[in-house]
Amino acid sequence: MNNPSPIPIDTSKIGNAGHVVIPLALRKKYGLDKGNHVTWFEAGDVIILKPFKPEISLQTQPEPSEFDIALQNAGMTLEEWEEGRRQAAKNLLKELYGLDYNTLQDDQSIH
């Protein structure tokens, strides 16, 4: 099963006791009402919330994405990939603009 990349829809603020309000459009779309149960999943740095279905065990993991599989096949962690991406961006900044990322000030901009 291929899961599309997540698309930000809305934001919520975490309230007292960790309460999070699910946006109305999502509650309607997934038939979530007050008192319904949901299941939380964790995948890398992503938190997934799904309507509770009795056949879902708390030990069930979501299927890995194509990206997760590619990382696994490359023997690379997400952190290693992100560091490589950061380093590549720093190298491009140096090559294209002659700027050293480590010496940039917060108020400097690239035009």
N, C-alpha and C. Protein backbone atom coordinates (compact mmCIF):
# COMPACT_ATOMS: atom_id res chain seq x y z
N MET A 1 0.85 -1.17 0.00
CA MET A 1 0.00 0.00 0.00
C MET A 1 0.89 1.24 0.00
N ASN A 2 0.72 2.11 -0.97
CA ASN A 2 1.49 3.34 -1.04
C ASN A 2 0.74 4.45 -0.34
N ASN A 3 1.38 5.06 0.64
CA ASN A 3 0.79 6.19 1.34
C ASN A 3 1.33 7.46 0.72
N PRO A 4 0.44 8.40 0.37
CA PRO A 4 0.92 9.67 -0.17
C PRO A 4 1.67 10.44 0.90
N SER A 5 2.52 11.35 0.46
CA SER A 5 3.23 12.21 1.41
C SER A 5 2.22 13.04 2.18
N PRO A 6 2.46 13.26 3.47
CA PRO A 6 1.51 14.05 4.26
C PRO A 6 1.46 15.49 3.76
N ILE A 7 0.25 16.04 3.75
CA ILE A 7 0.03 17.42 3.35
C ILE A 7 -0.51 18.16 4.57
N PRO A 8 0.18 19.22 5.02
CA PRO A 8 -0.34 19.98 6.16
C PRO A 8 -1.71 20.55 5.84
N ILE A 9 -2.67 20.35 6.73
CA ILE A 9 -4.03 20.82 6.52
C ILE A 9 -4.38 21.95 7.47
N ASP A 10 -3.95 21.82 8.71
CA ASP A 10 -4.32 22.78 9.74
C ASP A 10 -3.33 22.62 10.89
N THR A 11 -3.39 23.51 11.83
CA THR A 11 -2.58 23.37 13.03
C THR A 11 -3.49 23.36 14.25
N SER A 12 -3.01 22.78 15.32
CA SER A 12 -3.73 22.75 16.59
C SER A 12 -2.75 23.10 17.70
N LYS A 13 -3.28 23.62 18.78
CA LYS A 13 -2.47 23.95 19.94
C LYS A 13 -2.69 22.86 20.99
N ILE A 14 -1.61 22.42 21.62
CA ILE A 14 -1.74 21.43 22.68
C ILE A 14 -2.19 22.16 23.94
N GLY A 15 -3.29 21.70 24.50
CA GLY A 15 -3.86 22.34 25.68
C GLY A 15 -3.55 21.58 26.96
N ASN A 16 -4.33 21.87 27.99
CA ASN A 16 -4.16 21.22 29.29
C ASN A 16 -4.20 19.71 29.14
N ALA A 17 -3.37 19.06 29.89
CA ALA A 17 -3.29 17.58 29.92
C ALA A 17 -2.99 17.00 28.55
N GLY A 18 -2.38 17.80 27.64
CA GLY A 18 -2.01 17.29 26.33
C GLY A 18 -3.17 17.17 25.35
N HIS A 19 -4.30 17.79 25.63
CA HIS A 19 -5.45 17.72 24.73
C HIS A 19 -5.14 18.43 23.42
N VAL A 20 -5.55 17.81 22.31
CA VAL A 20 -5.36 18.39 20.98
C VAL A 20 -6.72 18.39 20.29
N VAL A 21 -7.09 19.53 19.72
CA VAL A 21 -8.35 19.61 18.99
C VAL A 21 -8.10 19.19 17.54
N ILE A 22 -8.87 18.22 17.09
CA ILE A 22 -8.78 17.77 15.70
C ILE A 22 -9.67 18.71 14.88
N PRO A 23 -9.14 19.30 13.81
CA PRO A 23 -9.94 20.24 13.01
C PRO A 23 -11.26 19.63 12.56
N LEU A 24 -12.31 20.45 12.55
CA LEU A 24 -13.66 20.01 12.22
C LEU A 24 -13.72 19.28 10.88
N ALA A 25 -13.05 19.81 9.87
CA ALA A 25 -13.09 19.16 8.54
C ALA A 25 -12.58 17.73 8.61
N LEU A 26 -11.53 17.49 9.40
CA LEU A 26 -11.00 16.14 9.54
C LEU A 26 -11.93 15.25 10.36
N ARG A 27 -12.52 15.83 11.43
CA ARG A 27 -13.47 15.04 12.22
C ARG A 27 -14.64 14.59 11.36
N LYS A 28 -15.15 15.49 10.53
CA LYS A 28 -16.27 15.13 9.64
C LYS A 28 -15.84 14.08 8.62
N LYS A 29 -14.68 14.32 7.99
CA LYS A 29 -14.20 13.41 6.95
C LYS A 29 -14.02 11.99 7.47
N TYR A 30 -13.52 11.85 8.71
CA TYR A 30 -13.24 10.52 9.25
C TYR A 30 -14.28 10.04 10.26
N GLY A 31 -15.39 10.78 10.38
CA GLY A 31 -16.49 10.36 11.25
C GLY A 31 -16.11 10.30 12.72
N LEU A 32 -15.30 11.25 13.16
CA LEU A 32 -14.87 11.28 14.56
C LEU A 32 -15.80 12.17 15.37
N ASP A 33 -16.35 11.62 16.44
CA ASP A 33 -17.24 12.35 17.33
C ASP A 33 -16.69 12.30 18.74
N LYS A 34 -17.21 13.18 19.60
CA LYS A 34 -16.82 13.20 21.01
C LYS A 34 -16.98 11.80 21.59
N GLY A 35 -15.95 11.34 22.27
CA GLY A 35 -16.01 10.02 22.90
C GLY A 35 -15.44 8.90 22.05
N ASN A 36 -15.23 9.16 20.74
CA ASN A 36 -14.62 8.12 19.90
C ASN A 36 -13.17 7.89 20.33
N HIS A 37 -12.70 6.70 20.08
CA HIS A 37 -11.32 6.37 20.38
C HIS A 37 -10.48 6.49 19.12
N VAL A 38 -9.22 6.86 19.29
CA VAL A 38 -8.27 6.94 18.18
C VAL A 38 -7.02 6.17 18.57
N THR A 39 -6.24 5.79 17.57
CA THR A 39 -4.99 5.08 17.80
C THR A 39 -3.85 5.97 17.33
N TRP A 40 -2.80 6.08 18.15
CA TRP A 40 -1.62 6.87 17.82
C TRP A 40 -0.52 5.95 17.33
N PHE A 41 0.17 6.37 16.28
CA PHE A 41 1.31 5.64 15.74
C PHE A 41 2.48 6.60 15.68
N GLU A 42 3.67 6.03 15.64
CA GLU A 42 4.88 6.82 15.51
C GLU A 42 5.69 6.20 14.38
N ALA A 43 6.15 7.05 13.44
CA ALA A 43 6.97 6.59 12.32
C ALA A 43 8.09 7.60 12.11
N GLY A 44 9.26 7.30 12.65
CA GLY A 44 10.36 8.27 12.56
C GLY A 44 10.00 9.51 13.35
N ASP A 45 9.99 10.65 12.66
CA ASP A 45 9.65 11.91 13.34
C ASP A 45 8.21 12.33 13.05
N VAL A 46 7.37 11.37 12.66
CA VAL A 46 5.98 11.65 12.31
C VAL A 46 5.05 10.97 13.31
N ILE A 47 4.05 11.70 13.76
CA ILE A 47 3.01 11.14 14.63
C ILE A 47 1.76 10.95 13.77
N ILE A 48 1.18 9.76 13.83
CA ILE A 48 0.01 9.43 13.02
C ILE A 48 -1.16 9.14 13.94
N LEU A 49 -2.29 9.73 13.64
CA LEU A 49 -3.51 9.52 14.41
C LEU A 49 -4.53 8.87 13.47
N LYS A 50 -5.08 7.72 13.88
CA LYS A 50 -6.08 7.04 13.06
C LYS A 50 -7.30 6.73 13.91
N PRO A 51 -8.49 6.76 13.28
CA PRO A 51 -9.67 6.32 14.02
C PRO A 51 -9.43 4.90 14.52
N PHE A 52 -9.83 4.63 15.76
CA PHE A 52 -9.62 3.32 16.36
C PHE A 52 -10.44 2.27 15.65
N LYS A 53 -9.78 1.16 15.32
CA LYS A 53 -10.47 0.00 14.76
C LYS A 53 -10.02 -1.17 15.61
N PRO A 54 -10.94 -1.97 16.13
CA PRO A 54 -10.57 -3.05 17.05
C PRO A 54 -9.48 -3.99 16.51
N GLU A 55 -9.41 -4.16 15.19
CA GLU A 55 -8.40 -5.08 14.65
C GLU A 55 -6.99 -4.48 14.67
N ILE A 56 -6.86 -3.18 15.00
CA ILE A 56 -5.54 -2.56 15.08
C ILE A 56 -4.99 -2.77 16.49
N SER A 57 -3.87 -3.43 16.56
CA SER A 57 -3.20 -3.62 17.83
C SER A 57 -2.31 -2.42 18.09
N LEU A 58 -2.07 -2.10 19.35
CA LEU A 58 -1.16 -1.01 19.67
C LEU A 58 0.26 -1.34 19.25
N GLN A 59 0.55 -2.60 18.97
CA GLN A 59 1.88 -2.99 18.52
C GLN A 59 2.01 -2.92 16.99
N THR A 60 0.90 -2.69 16.28
CA THR A 60 0.92 -2.63 14.83
C THR A 60 1.64 -1.37 14.38
N GLN A 61 2.52 -1.51 13.44
CA GLN A 61 3.24 -0.37 12.87
C GLN A 61 2.67 -0.08 11.49
N PRO A 62 2.58 1.19 11.11
CA PRO A 62 2.13 1.49 9.76
C PRO A 62 3.13 0.94 8.75
N GLU A 63 2.65 0.67 7.55
CA GLU A 63 3.54 0.16 6.51
C GLU A 63 4.61 1.20 6.21
N PRO A 64 5.84 0.76 5.99
CA PRO A 64 6.90 1.73 5.67
C PRO A 64 6.64 2.37 4.31
N SER A 65 6.99 3.64 4.20
CA SER A 65 6.83 4.35 2.93
C SER A 65 7.95 3.93 1.97
N GLU A 66 7.82 4.31 0.71
CA GLU A 66 8.88 4.03 -0.26
C GLU A 66 10.19 4.68 0.19
N PHE A 67 10.09 5.86 0.78
CA PHE A 67 11.27 6.57 1.27
C PHE A 67 11.92 5.77 2.40
N ASP A 68 11.11 5.27 3.35
CA ASP A 68 11.64 4.47 4.44
C ASP A 68 12.35 3.22 3.91
N ILE A 69 11.76 2.59 2.92
CA ILE A 69 12.35 1.38 2.33
C ILE A 69 13.67 1.72 1.64
N ALA A 70 13.70 2.85 0.91
CA ALA A 70 14.93 3.27 0.22
C ALA A 70 16.04 3.54 1.23
N LEU A 71 15.70 4.21 2.34
CA LEU A 71 16.71 4.45 3.38
C LEU A 71 17.23 3.13 3.94
N GLN A 72 16.30 2.22 4.21
CA GLN A 72 16.70 0.94 4.77
C GLN A 72 17.60 0.18 3.80
N ASN A 73 17.24 0.20 2.50
CA ASN A 73 18.05 -0.49 1.49
C ASN A 73 19.44 0.13 1.37
N ALA A 74 19.53 1.45 1.62
CA ALA A 74 20.82 2.13 1.55
C ALA A 74 21.61 1.98 2.84
N GLY A 75 21.00 1.36 3.85
CA GLY A 75 21.67 1.21 5.14
C GLY A 75 21.88 2.54 5.83
N MET A 76 20.91 3.44 5.66
CA MET A 76 21.05 4.80 6.17
C MET A 76 19.88 5.14 7.09
N THR A 77 20.17 5.88 8.16
CA THR A 77 19.10 6.34 9.03
C THR A 77 18.57 7.67 8.49
N LEU A 78 17.41 8.06 8.96
CA LEU A 78 16.83 9.34 8.57
C LEU A 78 17.75 10.48 8.99
N GLU A 79 18.35 10.36 10.16
CA GLU A 79 19.26 11.39 10.65
C GLU A 79 20.47 11.54 9.73
N GLU A 80 21.00 10.40 9.27
CA GLU A 80 22.15 10.45 8.35
C GLU A 80 21.75 11.11 7.02
N TRP A 81 20.57 10.78 6.52
CA TRP A 81 20.09 11.37 5.27
C TRP A 81 19.92 12.88 5.44
N GLU A 82 19.31 13.31 6.56
CA GLU A 82 19.10 14.73 6.80
C GLU A 82 20.44 15.48 6.91
N GLU A 83 21.42 14.87 7.56
CA GLU A 83 22.73 15.50 7.67
C GLU A 83 23.37 15.63 6.29
N GLY A 84 23.24 14.62 5.45
CA GLY A 84 23.76 14.69 4.09
C GLY A 84 23.09 15.79 3.29
N ARG A 85 21.79 15.94 3.48
CA ARG A 85 21.03 16.99 2.80
C ARG A 85 21.48 18.37 3.27
N ARG A 86 21.70 18.52 4.58
CA ARG A 86 22.19 19.79 5.12
C ARG A 86 23.56 20.13 4.55
N GLN A 87 24.43 19.12 4.50
CA GLN A 87 25.78 19.35 3.98
C GLN A 87 25.74 19.72 2.50
N ALA A 88 24.87 19.07 1.73
CA ALA A 88 24.74 19.39 0.31
C ALA A 88 24.26 20.83 0.13
N ALA A 89 23.32 21.27 0.97
CA ALA A 89 22.84 22.66 0.89
C ALA A 89 23.96 23.64 1.21
N LYS A 90 24.76 23.33 2.21
CA LYS A 90 25.90 24.19 2.57
C LYS A 90 26.88 24.27 1.40
N ASN A 91 27.15 23.13 0.77
CA ASN A 91 28.07 23.10 -0.37
C ASN A 91 27.55 23.95 -1.52
N LEU A 92 26.24 23.85 -1.81
CA LEU A 92 25.65 24.65 -2.89
C LEU A 92 25.73 26.14 -2.57
N LEU A 93 25.49 26.50 -1.33
CA LEU A 93 25.58 27.89 -0.90
C LEU A 93 26.99 28.43 -1.18
N LYS A 94 27.97 27.61 -0.89
CA LYS A 94 29.37 28.01 -1.12
C LYS A 94 29.66 28.10 -2.62
N GLU A 95 29.24 27.07 -3.38
CA GLU A 95 29.53 27.02 -4.82
C GLU A 95 28.80 28.11 -5.60
N LEU A 96 27.51 28.30 -5.32
CA LEU A 96 26.70 29.24 -6.11
C LEU A 96 26.88 30.70 -5.70
N TYR A 97 27.05 30.93 -4.39
CA TYR A 97 27.08 32.30 -3.89
C TYR A 97 28.39 32.68 -3.21
N GLY A 98 29.30 31.72 -3.07
CA GLY A 98 30.56 32.00 -2.41
C GLY A 98 30.41 32.29 -0.93
N LEU A 99 29.32 31.80 -0.33
CA LEU A 99 29.04 32.07 1.08
C LEU A 99 29.34 30.84 1.93
N ASP A 100 29.92 31.08 3.08
CA ASP A 100 30.18 30.00 4.04
C ASP A 100 29.05 30.00 5.06
N TYR A 101 28.28 28.93 5.07
CA TYR A 101 27.12 28.83 5.96
C TYR A 101 27.49 29.13 7.41
N ASN A 102 28.64 28.65 7.84
CA ASN A 102 29.04 28.79 9.24
C ASN A 102 29.34 30.22 9.64
N THR A 103 29.57 31.11 8.66
CA THR A 103 29.88 32.50 9.00
C THR A 103 28.72 33.45 8.72
N LEU A 104 27.60 32.94 8.20
CA LEU A 104 26.44 33.80 7.91
C LEU A 104 25.83 34.33 9.19
N GLN A 105 25.40 35.58 9.17
CA GLN A 105 24.68 36.19 10.28
C GLN A 105 23.20 35.95 10.08
N ASP A 106 22.41 35.98 11.14
CA ASP A 106 20.96 35.79 11.04
C ASP A 106 20.31 36.83 10.13
N ASP A 107 20.84 38.05 10.10
CA ASP A 107 20.20 39.11 9.34
C ASP A 107 20.71 39.20 7.89
N GLN A 108 21.63 38.32 7.49
CA GLN A 108 22.09 38.33 6.11
C GLN A 108 21.08 37.60 5.25
N SER A 109 20.90 38.07 4.05
CA SER A 109 20.01 37.38 3.12
C SER A 109 20.73 37.16 1.82
N ILE A 110 20.23 36.23 1.05
CA ILE A 110 20.82 35.90 -0.24
C ILE A 110 19.91 36.47 -1.31
N HIS A 111 20.47 37.25 -2.22
CA HIS A 111 19.67 37.84 -3.29
C HIS A 111 20.07 37.24 -4.61
